């Protein structure tokens, strides 16, 4: 080997020490890891000394015990994964589901359901036309997400995409545009829009079988083609579909170890085209798909991953003010890098 072919020698730094620890925890064989270090330019004596120090470290032994506890929790999750495969891979539709049945069969069991018939007399379904929204509320200043198509992480970076404008101008944009994901009024804009659009909430039925009264909801409005990427909520949620259709893809919480959740409540997996070469653990993850029609209500249980695509111009009101305990965010991890 001439001097040009030699591997440049490097020192073992804290980055390498972290790599050693992580790979030992994940089950890597010490000799195999030493071989990788040597191939990368670390002198064999240094590589072996660092490996020996890692194997003797009381810190690593402590982390190994924590890893074993997490492995036990993953085993419990896999039990539910296998049991889920014994049932139908669909979201059931229930006509005018009673509050008692909803609580017993879905809310407390953390199971999604589409409730039909509860919006049959909802005046918003006929009243909220383009002309009505422009004529009654067009002068109100609202906040909208813009520039989403230029940012692959638009949902995570939603604060940087906020823009204020007259509501009538936004309604006209939605009316006149074709399918696009570039602009969308979402729950992330609620801080500005709740007061501006509060009159609209009076056009919704109380849904007193399920919800506390007088609490309002989040207003979602956008063209066909809007996408909300895979994520999970920190509360139970109702999606009350007023206009247009939405395709929803759902993944059960027990499959969280396989959905590449490395930051907060977001997944790296594209729900439109799941790339199994890039995300091989998704190969055995059941994805439940449904189309939410106008006049239907989808119950999204806390922790369920969901991807949402508008098939038409859509108006949705979401709400979290259920009659039963819905505080699941108080004990959510404060460090959200996973």
Protein backbone atom coordinates (compact mmCIF):
# COMPACT_ATOMS: atom_id res chain seq x y z
CA UNK A 1 0.00 0.00 0.00
CA UNK A 2 1.49 3.36 -0.95
CA UNK A 3 1.12 6.44 1.19
CA UNK A 4 -1.76 7.74 -0.97
CA UNK A 5 -3.84 4.62 -0.25
CA UNK A 6 -3.31 4.73 3.52
CA UNK A 7 -6.26 5.64 5.72
CA UNK A 8 -5.63 8.90 7.55
CA UNK A 9 -5.31 8.23 11.26
CA UNK A 10 -7.87 9.94 13.47
CA UNK A 11 -8.38 10.31 17.20
CA UNK A 12 -11.26 8.95 19.25
CA UNK A 13 -13.40 11.94 20.22
CA UNK A 14 -16.71 12.24 22.08
CA UNK A 15 -18.62 11.73 18.85
CA UNK A 16 -16.98 8.32 18.43
CA UNK A 17 -17.58 7.51 22.11
CA UNK A 18 -21.28 8.26 21.62
CA UNK A 19 -21.29 6.05 18.52
CA UNK A 20 -19.70 3.18 20.48
CA UNK A 21 -22.23 3.47 23.29
CA UNK A 22 -25.25 3.67 20.98
CA UNK A 23 -24.18 0.67 18.92
CA UNK A 24 -23.37 -1.45 21.96
CA UNK A 25 -26.84 -0.68 23.36
CA UNK A 26 -28.37 -1.67 20.01
CA UNK A 27 -26.59 -5.06 20.17
CA UNK A 28 -23.51 -4.43 18.07
CA UNK A 29 -20.66 -6.92 18.65
CA UNK A 30 -17.55 -5.25 20.12
CA UNK A 31 -15.16 -6.85 17.62
CA UNK A 32 -17.29 -5.73 14.68
CA UNK A 33 -17.38 -2.19 16.02
CA UNK A 34 -13.62 -2.20 16.58
CA UNK A 35 -13.20 -3.28 12.93
CA UNK A 36 -15.28 -0.33 11.73
CA UNK A 37 -13.22 2.06 13.84
CA UNK A 38 -9.96 0.69 12.46
CA UNK A 39 -11.25 0.95 8.87
CA UNK A 40 -12.19 4.57 9.61
CA UNK A 41 -8.60 5.42 10.58
CA UNK A 42 -8.44 4.84 14.34
CA UNK A 43 -5.33 3.01 15.54
CA UNK A 44 -6.21 -0.51 16.73
CA UNK A 45 -4.76 -0.02 20.21
CA UNK A 46 -6.85 3.15 20.65
CA UNK A 47 -9.99 1.45 19.32
CA UNK A 48 -9.59 -1.48 21.71
CA UNK A 49 -8.83 0.78 24.66
CA UNK A 50 -12.00 2.81 24.04
CA UNK A 51 -14.09 -0.32 23.61
CA UNK A 52 -12.72 -1.76 26.86
CA UNK A 53 -13.47 1.50 28.68
CA UNK A 54 -17.03 1.51 27.31
CA UNK A 55 -17.68 -2.10 28.34
CA UNK A 56 -16.45 -1.37 31.87
CA UNK A 57 -18.37 1.92 32.20
CA UNK A 58 -21.00 2.00 34.98
CA UNK A 59 -22.80 4.64 32.92
CA UNK A 60 -23.22 2.25 30.00
CA UNK A 61 -24.46 -0.49 32.32
CA UNK A 62 -27.08 1.93 33.69
CA UNK A 63 -28.19 2.84 30.19
CA UNK A 64 -28.34 -0.87 29.30
CA UNK A 65 -30.85 -1.45 32.11
CA UNK A 66 -32.96 1.45 30.81
CA UNK A 67 -32.77 -0.05 27.31
CA UNK A 68 -34.00 -3.37 28.69
CA UNK A 69 -37.00 -1.65 30.28
CA UNK A 70 -37.82 0.04 26.97
CA UNK A 71 -37.49 -3.32 25.20
CA UNK A 72 -40.08 -4.72 27.63
CA UNK A 73 -42.46 -1.86 26.76
CA UNK A 74 -41.92 -2.50 23.06
CA UNK A 75 -42.82 -6.17 23.68
CA UNK A 76 -46.14 -5.07 25.20
CA UNK A 77 -46.78 -2.80 22.20
CA UNK A 78 -46.09 -5.70 19.83
CA UNK A 79 -48.79 -7.72 21.59
CA UNK A 80 -51.33 -5.06 20.64
CA UNK A 81 -49.92 -4.88 17.11
CA UNK A 82 -50.54 -8.61 16.62
CA UNK A 83 -54.01 -8.45 18.16
CA UNK A 84 -54.97 -5.55 15.88
CA UNK A 85 -54.25 -7.73 12.87
CA UNK A 86 -57.01 -10.11 13.92
CA UNK A 87 -59.72 -7.50 13.29
CA UNK A 88 -60.94 -5.54 10.25
CA UNK A 89 -58.54 -2.93 8.91
CA UNK A 90 -61.13 -0.16 8.68
CA UNK A 91 -62.75 2.71 10.56
CA UNK A 92 -66.35 1.76 11.40
CA UNK A 93 -69.25 4.09 10.62
CA UNK A 94 -71.93 4.42 13.31
CA UNK A 95 -75.24 6.20 12.73
CA UNK A 96 -76.14 8.70 15.48
CA UNK A 97 -73.93 6.96 18.02
CA UNK A 98 -75.14 7.63 21.57
CA UNK A 99 -72.84 9.30 24.05
CA UNK A 100 -72.81 6.21 26.27
CA UNK A 101 -71.92 3.89 23.37
CA UNK A 102 -69.29 6.33 22.10
CA UNK A 103 -67.64 6.47 25.53
CA UNK A 104 -67.75 2.72 26.09
CA UNK A 105 -66.84 1.46 22.62
CA UNK A 106 -64.48 4.14 21.32
CA UNK A 107 -63.37 6.93 23.67
CA UNK A 108 -62.18 4.77 26.56
CA UNK A 109 -60.88 2.06 24.21
CA UNK A 110 -58.89 4.54 22.10
CA UNK A 111 -60.57 3.34 18.89
CA UNK A 112 -61.44 5.65 15.96
CA UNK A 113 -64.97 5.85 14.57
CA UNK A 114 -66.87 7.87 11.97
CA UNK A 115 -70.19 9.13 13.35
CA UNK A 116 -72.90 9.78 10.77
CA UNK A 117 -76.28 11.48 10.96
CA UNK A 118 -75.38 14.04 13.64
CA UNK A 119 -74.91 16.85 11.09
CA UNK A 120 -78.03 16.20 8.99
CA UNK A 121 -79.64 19.45 10.19
CA UNK A 122 -76.42 21.46 10.51
CA UNK A 123 -77.12 24.88 8.95
CA UNK A 124 -73.42 25.47 8.25
CA UNK A 125 -73.46 22.82 5.50
CA UNK A 126 -75.75 24.98 3.33
CA UNK A 127 -75.01 28.40 4.76
CA UNK A 128 -71.20 28.56 4.48
CA UNK A 129 -70.96 29.37 0.77
CA UNK A 130 -68.21 31.49 -0.75
CA UNK A 131 -70.63 34.41 -1.12
CA UNK A 132 -71.82 34.15 2.47
CA UNK A 133 -68.31 33.97 3.94
CA UNK A 134 -67.12 36.93 1.86
CA UNK A 135 -70.24 38.99 2.47
CA UNK A 136 -70.51 38.43 6.21
CA UNK A 137 -66.89 38.07 7.31
CA UNK A 138 -64.81 39.20 4.34
CA UNK A 139 -63.39 42.28 6.06
CA UNK A 140 -62.05 40.40 9.08
CA UNK A 141 -58.29 39.95 9.31
CA UNK A 142 -57.31 36.29 9.54
CA UNK A 143 -54.12 34.27 9.58
CA UNK A 144 -53.25 31.62 6.98
CA UNK A 145 -50.32 29.27 6.30
CA UNK A 146 -48.49 30.24 3.09
CA UNK A 147 -45.38 29.01 1.25
CA UNK A 148 -45.84 25.40 2.32
CA UNK A 149 -44.78 23.80 -0.97
CA UNK A 150 -41.28 25.31 -0.76
CA UNK A 151 -40.64 23.81 2.69
CA UNK A 152 -40.60 20.01 3.15
CA UNK A 153 -41.04 20.55 6.90
CA UNK A 154 -43.87 23.09 6.62
CA UNK A 155 -45.90 21.54 9.42
CA UNK A 156 -43.02 21.52 11.89
CA UNK A 157 -42.08 25.05 10.79
CA UNK A 158 -45.66 26.35 10.74
CA UNK A 159 -44.84 29.50 12.70
CA UNK A 160 -42.64 30.75 9.87
CA UNK A 161 -45.45 30.35 7.32
CA UNK A 162 -48.07 32.56 8.96
CA UNK A 163 -49.50 35.50 6.99
CA UNK A 164 -52.34 37.87 7.80
CA UNK A 165 -54.88 39.00 5.22
CA UNK A 166 -58.60 39.86 4.83
CA UNK A 167 -60.74 36.75 5.10
CA UNK A 168 -62.63 37.68 1.92
CA UNK A 169 -59.38 37.76 -0.03
CA UNK A 170 -58.48 34.30 1.27
CA UNK A 171 -61.93 32.87 0.46
CA UNK A 172 -61.58 34.17 -3.11
CA UNK A 173 -58.14 32.52 -3.39
CA UNK A 174 -59.58 29.18 -2.34
CA UNK A 175 -62.54 29.57 -4.70
CA UNK A 176 -60.38 30.44 -7.71
CA UNK A 177 -57.40 28.11 -7.19
CA UNK A 178 -56.83 24.60 -8.41
CA UNK A 179 -55.45 21.84 -6.19
CA UNK A 180 -52.52 23.09 -4.12
CA UNK A 181 -50.83 22.57 -0.78
CA UNK A 182 -49.23 26.01 -0.79
CA UNK A 183 -51.80 27.76 1.40
CA UNK A 184 -54.14 26.48 4.09
CA UNK A 185 -55.99 27.86 7.11
CA UNK A 186 -55.34 25.39 9.94
CA UNK A 187 -55.63 24.97 13.71
CA UNK A 188 -52.14 26.51 13.94
CA UNK A 189 -53.78 29.81 12.98
CA UNK A 190 -56.43 29.60 15.69
CA UNK A 191 -54.91 32.21 17.98
CA UNK A 192 -55.68 34.89 15.40
CA UNK A 193 -58.81 33.39 13.82
CA UNK A 194 -60.91 32.32 16.81
CA UNK A 195 -62.20 35.84 17.50
CA UNK A 196 -62.39 36.87 13.83
CA UNK A 197 -64.61 33.90 12.88
CA UNK A 198 -66.41 33.25 16.17
CA UNK A 199 -69.90 33.82 14.67
CA UNK A 200 -69.47 30.70 12.54
CA UNK A 201 -69.44 28.44 15.59
CA UNK A 202 -73.09 29.31 16.28
CA UNK A 203 -74.03 27.50 13.05
CA UNK A 204 -72.83 24.15 14.39
CA UNK A 205 -74.97 21.70 16.36
CA UNK A 206 -74.07 21.43 20.07
CA UNK A 207 -73.26 17.69 19.92
CA UNK A 208 -74.11 17.66 23.62
CA UNK A 209 -73.86 13.85 23.74
CA UNK A 210 -70.10 14.17 23.39
CA UNK A 211 -68.93 17.76 24.00
CA UNK A 212 -68.87 20.46 26.64
CA UNK A 213 -70.95 23.42 25.58
CA UNK A 214 -69.78 26.89 24.59
CA UNK A 215 -66.15 25.96 23.93
CA UNK A 216 -65.94 26.48 20.13
CA UNK A 217 -63.52 24.77 17.78
CA UNK A 218 -60.66 25.14 15.29
CA UNK A 219 -61.51 26.31 11.75
CA UNK A 220 -59.76 24.53 8.84
CA UNK A 221 -60.37 25.84 5.30
CA UNK A 222 -58.40 25.27 2.13
CA UNK A 223 -58.35 24.11 -1.48
CA UNK A 224 -58.21 20.57 -2.78
CA UNK A 225 -54.70 19.20 -2.45
CA UNK A 226 -53.88 20.39 1.06
CA UNK A 227 -51.85 17.88 3.04
CA UNK A 228 -51.41 17.42 6.75
CA UNK A 229 -48.48 14.98 7.10
CA UNK A 230 -48.37 12.04 9.46
CA UNK A 231 -48.48 13.18 13.09
CA UNK A 232 -50.36 12.41 16.26
CA UNK A 233 -52.31 14.75 18.51
CA UNK A 234 -51.81 15.15 22.25
CA UNK A 235 -55.56 15.00 22.92
CA UNK A 236 -58.61 13.22 21.61
CA UNK A 237 -60.07 15.09 18.65
CA UNK A 238 -63.25 15.39 16.60
CA UNK A 239 -62.99 16.25 12.89
CA UNK A 240 -66.39 17.73 12.01
CA UNK A 241 -66.60 17.72 8.21
CA UNK A 242 -68.73 20.60 6.89
CA UNK A 243 -67.75 20.77 3.20
CA UNK A 244 -65.69 18.62 0.82
CA UNK A 245 -64.04 15.24 1.33
CA UNK A 246 -60.83 14.34 3.10
CA UNK A 247 -58.80 11.17 2.75
CA UNK A 248 -57.43 10.12 6.13
CA UNK A 249 -54.76 7.47 6.69
CA UNK A 250 -54.40 6.18 10.25
CA UNK A 251 -51.78 4.20 12.18
CA UNK A 252 -52.40 2.84 15.68
CA UNK A 253 -50.28 4.18 18.58
CA UNK A 254 -48.82 0.71 19.24
CA UNK A 255 -46.93 1.01 15.92
CA UNK A 256 -45.10 4.17 17.06
CA UNK A 257 -41.70 2.35 17.26
CA UNK A 258 -41.94 1.75 13.48
CA UNK A 259 -43.08 5.15 12.15
CA UNK A 260 -39.72 6.99 12.36
CA UNK A 261 -40.78 9.48 14.99
CA UNK A 262 -37.60 11.40 15.77
CA UNK A 263 -39.05 14.79 16.64
CA UNK A 264 -42.08 15.73 18.76
CA UNK A 265 -45.32 14.33 17.27
CA UNK A 266 -44.15 14.10 13.65
CA UNK A 267 -43.15 11.20 11.41
CA UNK A 268 -40.68 11.35 8.52
CA UNK A 269 -42.87 8.97 6.49
CA UNK A 270 -44.73 10.52 3.52
CA UNK A 271 -48.31 9.30 3.71
CA UNK A 272 -48.82 9.76 -0.04
CA UNK A 273 -46.06 7.34 -0.97
CA UNK A 274 -44.57 5.20 1.78
CA UNK A 275 -40.99 4.50 0.70
CA UNK A 276 -40.14 1.09 2.11
CA UNK A 277 -36.52 1.30 1.00
CA UNK A 278 -36.04 4.42 3.09
CA UNK A 279 -38.43 3.33 5.87
CA UNK A 280 -38.27 -0.50 5.93
CA UNK A 281 -39.89 -0.81 9.39
CA UNK A 282 -43.13 0.48 7.82
CA UNK A 283 -43.47 -2.74 5.80
CA UNK A 284 -45.51 -4.47 8.51
CA UNK A 285 -47.42 -1.44 9.77
CA UNK A 286 -51.17 -1.59 8.99
CA UNK A 287 -52.36 1.72 7.55
CA UNK A 288 -56.13 2.23 7.81
CA UNK A 289 -57.64 4.49 5.15
CA UNK A 290 -61.02 6.18 5.07
CA UNK A 291 -62.66 9.07 3.21
CA UNK A 292 -64.48 11.51 5.46
CA UNK A 293 -67.58 12.78 3.68
CA UNK A 294 -69.42 16.08 4.27
CA UNK A 295 -71.75 15.71 7.24
CA UNK A 296 -69.60 13.09 8.98
CA UNK A 297 -67.56 13.31 12.19
CA UNK A 298 -64.29 11.42 12.62
CA UNK A 299 -63.15 10.63 16.15
CA UNK A 300 -59.33 10.74 16.19
CA UNK A 301 -58.16 9.15 19.45
CA UNK A 302 -55.11 10.58 21.19
CA UNK A 303 -51.84 9.06 19.97
CA UNK A 304 -53.21 7.79 16.65
CA UNK A 305 -50.99 8.79 13.73
CA UNK A 306 -52.94 10.42 10.90
CA UNK A 307 -52.26 11.80 7.44
CA UNK A 308 -54.95 13.99 5.87
CA UNK A 309 -55.39 14.94 2.20
CA UNK A 310 -58.17 17.21 0.92
CA UNK A 311 -59.88 15.73 -2.14
CA UNK A 312 -62.02 18.87 -2.63
CA UNK A 313 -62.22 22.38 -1.26
CA UNK A 314 -62.82 21.55 2.40
CA UNK A 315 -64.10 23.16 5.57
CA UNK A 316 -63.53 21.25 8.78
CA UNK A 317 -64.08 22.22 12.39
CA UNK A 318 -62.03 20.28 14.92
CA UNK A 319 -62.65 20.27 18.64
CA UNK A 320 -61.17 18.69 21.74
CA UNK A 321 -63.69 19.69 24.44
CA UNK A 322 -65.08 16.26 25.29
CA UNK A 323 -67.20 15.52 28.33
CA UNK A 324 -64.55 13.12 29.62
CA UNK A 325 -60.90 13.37 30.66
CA UNK A 326 -58.84 14.68 27.75
CA UNK A 327 -55.67 15.95 29.44
CA UNK A 328 -52.99 13.76 27.94
CA UNK A 329 -50.46 16.52 27.23
CA UNK A 330 -49.53 17.41 30.85
CA UNK A 331 -47.17 14.43 31.09
CA UNK A 332 -45.95 14.54 27.48
CA UNK A 333 -42.09 14.41 27.37
CA UNK A 334 -40.57 17.88 27.69
CA UNK A 335 -37.53 16.78 25.66
CA UNK A 336 -39.06 16.07 22.24
CA UNK A 337 -35.98 14.73 20.41
CA UNK A 338 -36.45 10.99 20.12
